[in-house]
C-alpha atoms as a PDB file:
ATOM      1  CA  UNK A   1       0.685  10.383   9.201  1.00  0.00           C
ATOM      2  CA  UNK A   2      -0.633   7.388  11.011  1.00  0.00           C
ATOM      3  CA  UNK A   3      -3.346   7.294  13.620  1.00  0.00           C
ATOM      4  CA  UNK A   4      -5.195   4.599  15.417  1.00  0.00           C
ATOM      5  CA  UNK A   5      -7.385   4.046  18.475  1.00  0.00           C
ATOM      6  CA  UNK A   6      -8.947   1.130  20.214  1.00  0.00           C
ATOM      7  CA  UNK A   7     -11.497   0.531  22.910  1.00  0.00           C
ATOM      8  CA  UNK A   8     -11.736  -2.772  24.861  1.00  0.00           C
ATOM      9  CA  UNK A   9     -14.497  -3.866  27.188  1.00  0.00           C
ATOM     10  CA  UNK A  10     -14.100  -6.982  29.371  1.00  0.00           C
ATOM     11  CA  UNK A  11     -16.977  -8.286  31.565  1.00  0.00           C
ATOM     12  CA  UNK A  12     -16.669 -11.302  33.847  1.00  0.00           C
ATOM     13  CA  UNK A  13     -20.021 -13.161  33.662  1.00  0.00           C
ATOM     14  CA  UNK A  14     -18.839 -15.893  36.050  1.00  0.00           C
ATOM     15  CA  UNK A  15     -15.323 -16.845  37.293  1.00  0.00           C
ATOM     16  CA  UNK A  16     -15.104 -19.265  34.329  1.00  0.00           C
ATOM     17  CA  UNK A  17     -16.899 -17.100  31.698  1.00  0.00           C
ATOM     18  CA  UNK A  18     -15.612 -13.866  30.318  1.00  0.00           C
ATOM     19  CA  UNK A  19     -17.130 -11.604  27.617  1.00  0.00           C
ATOM     20  CA  UNK A  20     -14.900  -9.294  25.541  1.00  0.00           C
ATOM     21  CA  UNK A  21     -15.629  -6.583  23.027  1.00  0.00           C
ATOM     22  CA  UNK A  22     -13.056  -4.597  21.074  1.00  0.00           C
ATOM     23  CA  UNK A  23     -13.534  -1.771  18.618  1.00  0.00           C
ATOM     24  CA  UNK A  24     -10.919   0.137  16.698  1.00  0.00           C
ATOM     25  CA  UNK A  25      -9.872   2.419  13.836  1.00  0.00           C
ATOM     26  CA  UNK A  26      -6.678   2.760  11.918  1.00  0.00           C
ATOM     27  CA  UNK A  27      -5.894   5.551   9.452  1.00  0.00           C
ATOM     28  CA  UNK A  28      -3.003   6.310   7.205  1.00  0.00           C
ATOM     29  CA  UNK A  29      -2.207   9.347   5.047  1.00  0.00           C
ATOM     30  CA  UNK A  30       1.066   9.197   3.181  1.00  0.00           C
ATOM     31  CA  UNK A  31       2.168  11.882   0.806  1.00  0.00           C
ATOM     32  CA  UNK A  32       5.345  11.856  -1.224  1.00  0.00           C
ATOM     33  CA  UNK A  33       6.554  14.972  -2.905  1.00  0.00           C
ATOM     34  CA  UNK A  34       9.755  16.209  -4.530  1.00  0.00           C
ATOM     35  CA  UNK A  35      10.880  19.862  -4.787  1.00  0.00           C
ATOM     36  CA  UNK A  36      11.941  19.090  -8.457  1.00  0.00           C
ATOM     37  CA  UNK A  37       8.637  17.577  -9.605  1.00  0.00           C
ATOM     38  CA  UNK A  38       5.719  19.852 -10.660  1.00  0.00           C
ATOM     39  CA  UNK A  39       7.906  22.947 -10.754  1.00  0.00           C
ATOM     40  CA  UNK A  40       9.654  23.243 -14.108  1.00  0.00           C
ATOM     41  CA  UNK A  41       8.924  21.345 -17.290  1.00  0.00           C
ATOM     42  CA  UNK A  42      12.532  20.280 -17.977  1.00  0.00           C
ATOM     43  CA  UNK A  43      11.469  18.022 -20.778  1.00  0.00           C
ATOM     44  CA  UNK A  44       9.991  20.976 -22.752  1.00  0.00           C
ATOM     45  CA  UNK A  45      12.885  23.337 -21.803  1.00  0.00           C
ATOM     46  CA  UNK A  46      15.310  20.762 -23.307  1.00  0.00           C
ATOM     47  CA  UNK A  47      13.303  20.882 -26.541  1.00  0.00           C
ATOM     48  CA  UNK A  48      12.156  17.314 -26.426  1.00  0.00           C
ATOM     49  CA  UNK A  49       9.031  16.851 -28.529  1.00  0.00           C
ATOM     50  CA  UNK A  50       6.117  14.516 -28.006  1.00  0.00           C
ATOM     51  CA  UNK A  51       5.675  14.659 -24.198  1.00  0.00           C
ATOM     52  CA  UNK A  52       2.667  16.981 -23.781  1.00  0.00           C
ATOM     53  CA  UNK A  53       2.163  17.995 -20.144  1.00  0.00           C
ATOM     54  CA  UNK A  54      -1.442  19.347 -20.403  1.00  0.00           C
ATOM     55  CA  UNK A  55      -3.338  17.871 -17.443  1.00  0.00           C
ATOM     56  CA  UNK A  56      -0.223  16.612 -15.861  1.00  0.00           C
ATOM     57  CA  UNK A  57       1.208  19.798 -14.436  1.00  0.00           C
ATOM     58  CA  UNK A  58       1.949  18.295 -11.039  1.00  0.00           C
ATOM     59  CA  UNK A  59       4.130  15.559 -12.603  1.00  0.00           C
ATOM     60  CA  UNK A  60       6.341  17.631 -14.831  1.00  0.00           C
ATOM     61  CA  UNK A  61      10.036  17.644 -14.064  1.00  0.00           C
ATOM     62  CA  UNK A  62      13.162  15.623 -14.896  1.00  0.00           C
ATOM     63  CA  UNK A  63      12.857  12.938 -17.520  1.00  0.00           C
ATOM     64  CA  UNK A  64      14.167   9.465 -16.754  1.00  0.00           C
ATOM     65  CA  UNK A  65      17.382   8.409 -18.549  1.00  0.00           C
ATOM     66  CA  UNK A  66      18.569   4.791 -18.466  1.00  0.00           C
ATOM     67  CA  UNK A  67      22.095   4.623 -19.809  1.00  0.00           C
ATOM     68  CA  UNK A  68      23.589   1.155 -20.540  1.00  0.00           C
ATOM     69  CA  UNK A  69      26.732   0.553 -18.498  1.00  0.00           C
ATOM     70  CA  UNK A  70      26.191   3.668 -16.347  1.00  0.00           C
ATOM     71  CA  UNK A  71      24.054   5.070 -13.633  1.00  0.00           C
ATOM     72  CA  UNK A  72      21.134   6.912 -15.198  1.00  0.00           C
ATOM     73  CA  UNK A  73      18.947   9.508 -13.507  1.00  0.00           C
ATOM     74  CA  UNK A  74      15.299  10.031 -12.788  1.00  0.00           C
ATOM     75  CA  UNK A  75      12.837  11.631 -10.307  1.00  0.00           C
ATOM     76  CA  UNK A  76      11.569   9.407  -7.571  1.00  0.00           C
ATOM     77  CA  UNK A  77       8.891   6.958  -8.574  1.00  0.00           C
ATOM     78  CA  UNK A  78       5.260   8.239  -8.230  1.00  0.00           C
ATOM     79  CA  UNK A  79       5.967  11.747  -7.006  1.00  0.00           C
ATOM     80  CA  UNK A  80       4.030  13.751  -6.450  1.00  0.00           C
ATOM     81  CA  UNK A  81       1.490  11.480  -4.891  1.00  0.00           C
ATOM     82  CA  UNK A  82      -0.617  10.326  -1.961  1.00  0.00           C
ATOM     83  CA  UNK A  83      -1.719   7.015  -0.532  1.00  0.00           C
ATOM     84  CA  UNK A  84      -4.383   6.914   2.199  1.00  0.00           C
ATOM     85  CA  UNK A  85      -6.564   4.312   3.895  1.00  0.00           C
ATOM     86  CA  UNK A  86      -9.029   3.730   6.791  1.00  0.00           C
ATOM     87  CA  UNK A  87      -9.898   0.540   8.609  1.00  0.00           C
ATOM     88  CA  UNK A  88     -12.699   0.124  11.097  1.00  0.00           C
ATOM     89  CA  UNK A  89     -12.829  -3.110  13.036  1.00  0.00           C
ATOM     90  CA  UNK A  90     -14.571  -4.815  15.839  1.00  0.00           C
ATOM     91  CA  UNK A  91     -14.350  -8.198  17.655  1.00  0.00           C
ATOM     92  CA  UNK A  92     -16.489  -9.838  20.245  1.00  0.00           C
ATOM     93  CA  UNK A  93     -16.084 -13.221  21.979  1.00  0.00           C
ATOM     94  CA  UNK A  94     -16.987 -15.332  24.976  1.00  0.00           C
ATOM     95  CA  UNK A  95     -14.167 -17.183  26.777  1.00  0.00           C
ATOM     96  CA  UNK A  96     -15.054 -20.358  28.580  1.00  0.00           C
ATOM     97  CA  UNK A  97     -12.744 -22.125  31.021  1.00  0.00           C
ATOM     98  CA  UNK A  98     -13.829 -25.827  31.229  1.00  0.00           C
ATOM     99  CA  UNK A  99     -11.362 -28.110  32.962  1.00  0.00           C
ATOM    100  CA  UNK A 100      -8.233 -28.277  30.736  1.00  0.00           C
ATOM    101  CA  UNK A 101      -9.947 -26.379  27.956  1.00  0.00           C
ATOM    102  CA  UNK A 102      -9.942 -22.636  27.275  1.00  0.00           C
ATOM    103  CA  UNK A 103     -12.655 -22.104  24.637  1.00  0.00           C
ATOM    104  CA  UNK A 104     -13.072 -18.860  22.700  1.00  0.00           C
ATOM    105  CA  UNK A 105     -16.215 -18.347  20.596  1.00  0.00           C
ATOM    106  CA  UNK A 106     -16.567 -15.099  18.669  1.00  0.00           C
ATOM    107  CA  UNK A 107     -17.075 -12.871  15.685  1.00  0.00           C
ATOM    108  CA  UNK A 108     -14.990 -10.183  14.065  1.00  0.00           C
ATOM    109  CA  UNK A 109     -15.738  -7.569  11.427  1.00  0.00           C
ATOM    110  CA  UNK A 110     -13.448  -5.211   9.491  1.00  0.00           C
ATOM    111  CA  UNK A 111     -14.153  -2.690   6.747  1.00  0.00           C
ATOM    112  CA  UNK A 112     -11.235  -1.082   4.893  1.00  0.00           C
ATOM    113  CA  UNK A 113     -11.053   1.767   2.470  1.00  0.00           C
ATOM    114  CA  UNK A 114      -7.839   2.246   0.489  1.00  0.00           C
ATOM    115  CA  UNK A 115      -7.063   5.027  -2.053  1.00  0.00           C
ATOM    116  CA  UNK A 116      -4.162   6.443  -4.047  1.00  0.00           C
ATOM    117  CA  UNK A 117      -3.248   9.133  -6.498  1.00  0.00           C
ATOM    118  CA  UNK A 118       0.258   9.494  -7.861  1.00  0.00           C
ATOM    119  CA  UNK A 119       2.306  10.332 -10.951  1.00  0.00           C
ATOM    120  CA  UNK A 120       3.232   6.724 -11.803  1.00  0.00           C
ATOM    121  CA  UNK A 121       6.520   5.893 -13.524  1.00  0.00           C
ATOM    122  CA  UNK A 122       8.234   8.326 -15.984  1.00  0.00           C
ATOM    123  CA  UNK A 123       5.461  10.833 -16.121  1.00  0.00           C
ATOM    124  CA  UNK A 124       8.031  13.294 -17.540  1.00  0.00           C
ATOM    125  CA  UNK A 125       9.188  10.918 -20.133  1.00  0.00           C
ATOM    126  CA  UNK A 126      11.785   8.074 -20.058  1.00  0.00           C
ATOM    127  CA  UNK A 127      14.625   7.566 -22.469  1.00  0.00           C
ATOM    128  CA  UNK A 128      16.930   4.665 -22.974  1.00  0.00           C
ATOM    129  CA  UNK A 129      20.450   4.819 -24.391  1.00  0.00           C
ATOM    130  CA  UNK A 130      21.782   1.284 -24.974  1.00  0.00           C
ATOM    131  CA  UNK A 131      24.916   2.100 -27.105  1.00  0.00           C
ATOM    132  CA  UNK A 132      23.385   0.802 -30.308  1.00  0.00           C
ATOM    133  CA  UNK A 133      24.761   3.694 -32.348  1.00  0.00           C
ATOM    134  CA  UNK A 134      28.246   4.234 -30.861  1.00  0.00           C
ATOM    135  CA  UNK A 135      28.655   1.012 -28.835  1.00  0.00           C
ATOM    136  CA  UNK A 136      28.682   3.130 -25.635  1.00  0.00           C
ATOM    137  CA  UNK A 137      25.458   4.051 -23.787  1.00  0.00           C
ATOM    138  CA  UNK A 138      26.956   7.359 -22.465  1.00  0.00           C
ATOM    139  CA  UNK A 139      28.162   8.432 -25.926  1.00  0.00           C
ATOM    140  CA  UNK A 140      24.679   7.815 -27.355  1.00  0.00           C
ATOM    141  CA  UNK A 141      23.295   9.901 -24.440  1.00  0.00           C
ATOM    142  CA  UNK A 142      25.676  12.829 -25.216  1.00  0.00           C
ATOM    143  CA  UNK A 143      24.707  12.663 -28.839  1.00  0.00           C
ATOM    144  CA  UNK A 144      20.984  12.407 -28.111  1.00  0.00           C
ATOM    145  CA  UNK A 145      20.630   9.042 -29.922  1.00  0.00           C
ATOM    146  CA  UNK A 146      17.973   7.278 -27.936  1.00  0.00           C
ATOM    147  CA  UNK A 147      17.169   3.709 -28.383  1.00  0.00           C
ATOM    148  CA  UNK A 148      13.753   3.917 -26.705  1.00  0.00           C
ATOM    149  CA  UNK A 149      11.347   6.402 -25.292  1.00  0.00           C
ATOM    150  CA  UNK A 150       8.343   5.863 -23.083  1.00  0.00           C
ATOM    151  CA  UNK A 151       5.783   7.819 -21.137  1.00  0.00           C
ATOM    152  CA  UNK A 152       3.309   6.770 -18.475  1.00  0.00           C
ATOM    153  CA  UNK A 153       0.452   8.963 -17.720  1.00  0.00           C
ATOM    154  CA  UNK A 154      -0.094   9.965 -14.036  1.00  0.00           C
ATOM    155  CA  UNK A 155      -2.780   7.858 -12.636  1.00  0.00           C
ATOM    156  CA  UNK A 156      -6.218   9.191 -11.759  1.00  0.00           C
ATOM    157  CA  UNK A 157      -7.166   8.681  -8.154  1.00  0.00           C
ATOM    158  CA  UNK A 158      -7.973   5.008  -7.565  1.00  0.00           C
ATOM    159  CA  UNK A 159      -8.956   2.698  -4.762  1.00  0.00           C
ATOM    160  CA  UNK A 160     -11.602   0.719  -2.984  1.00  0.00           C
ATOM    161  CA  UNK A 161     -14.215   2.458  -1.011  1.00  0.00           C
ATOM    162  CA  UNK A 162     -15.446  -0.503   0.936  1.00  0.00           C
ATOM    163  CA  UNK A 163     -13.825  -3.967   1.559  1.00  0.00           C
ATOM    164  CA  UNK A 164     -15.958  -5.499   4.355  1.00  0.00           C
ATOM    165  CA  UNK A 165     -14.734  -8.738   5.958  1.00  0.00           C
ATOM    166  CA  UNK A 166     -16.168 -10.843   8.708  1.00  0.00           C
ATOM    167  CA  UNK A 167     -15.370 -14.096  10.494  1.00  0.00           C
ATOM    168  CA  UNK A 168     -16.939 -16.538  12.955  1.00  0.00           C
ATOM    169  CA  UNK A 169     -14.556 -18.568  15.043  1.00  0.00           C
ATOM    170  CA  UNK A 170     -14.237 -21.253  17.756  1.00  0.00           C
ATOM    171  CA  UNK A 171     -10.874 -21.908  19.295  1.00  0.00           C
ATOM    172  CA  UNK A 172      -9.928 -24.460  21.985  1.00  0.00           C
ATOM    173  CA  UNK A 173      -6.657 -24.302  23.874  1.00  0.00           C
ATOM    174  CA  UNK A 174      -6.410 -27.735  25.424  1.00  0.00           C
ATOM    175  CA  UNK A 175      -3.714 -28.420  28.040  1.00  0.00           C
ATOM    176  CA  UNK A 176      -3.069 -32.193  27.553  1.00  0.00           C
ATOM    177  CA  UNK A 177      -0.195 -32.227  30.050  1.00  0.00           C
ATOM    178  CA  UNK A 178       2.159 -29.687  31.714  1.00  0.00           C
ATOM    179  CA  UNK A 179       4.493 -29.910  28.641  1.00  0.00           C
ATOM    180  CA  UNK A 180       1.879 -30.330  25.824  1.00  0.00           C
ATOM    181  CA  UNK A 181      -0.861 -27.868  24.775  1.00  0.00           C
ATOM    182  CA  UNK A 182      -2.992 -28.266  21.692  1.00  0.00           C
ATOM    183  CA  UNK A 183      -4.465 -25.225  19.934  1.00  0.00           C
ATOM    184  CA  UNK A 184      -7.507 -26.300  17.874  1.00  0.00           C
ATOM    185  CA  UNK A 185      -9.880 -24.175  16.010  1.00  0.00           C
ATOM    186  CA  UNK A 186     -12.490 -23.650  13.325  1.00  0.00           C
ATOM    187  CA  UNK A 187     -12.919 -20.415  11.461  1.00  0.00           C
ATOM    188  CA  UNK A 188     -15.290 -19.151   8.715  1.00  0.00           C
ATOM    189  CA  UNK A 189     -13.891 -16.062   6.948  1.00  0.00           C
ATOM    190  CA  UNK A 190     -15.905 -14.062   4.395  1.00  0.00           C
ATOM    191  CA  UNK A 191     -14.935 -11.146   2.168  1.00  0.00           C
ATOM    192  CA  UNK A 192     -18.046  -9.360   0.920  1.00  0.00           C
ATOM    193  CA  UNK A 193     -18.190  -8.319  -2.724  1.00  0.00           C
END
């Protein structure tokens, strides 16, 4: 799901001077699930040893098989999982009309939070069949002669709770002639640690 809102305030100080203030929020919550993942431990049911699922019950399912020369199979990457974020922002400026110049002086602030939790790649095990035993990847697969095996552990929730950012700026839109306009500006950006 995605959600956002914004509020804008505009105040005319004089016919040639305008004050603006904008505030907003954007949120995102994305979940990705599969009906095959987290239901049956197909790796254990197939009798494959060495891929313990304790603590990873929501990531059990179909192991990944890479077969040289053929299309292999796997569950979708990262399922079951969730990525979510929030961003609060604000911007204020004063716009000045002075002859052929439109000058904008202002400040903006943004604070983001980004999080994730997902099963990573091959949480149920990954097996490679490159044909090194029979010279055919599919024959190696049918015989169970694997050339490689791997296992990534599902990731613990991760993210960044705060990522504040601010900027001061001055912009000048200068209309030199009816066919030429220059956009000039100076900006100081700062990401806080």
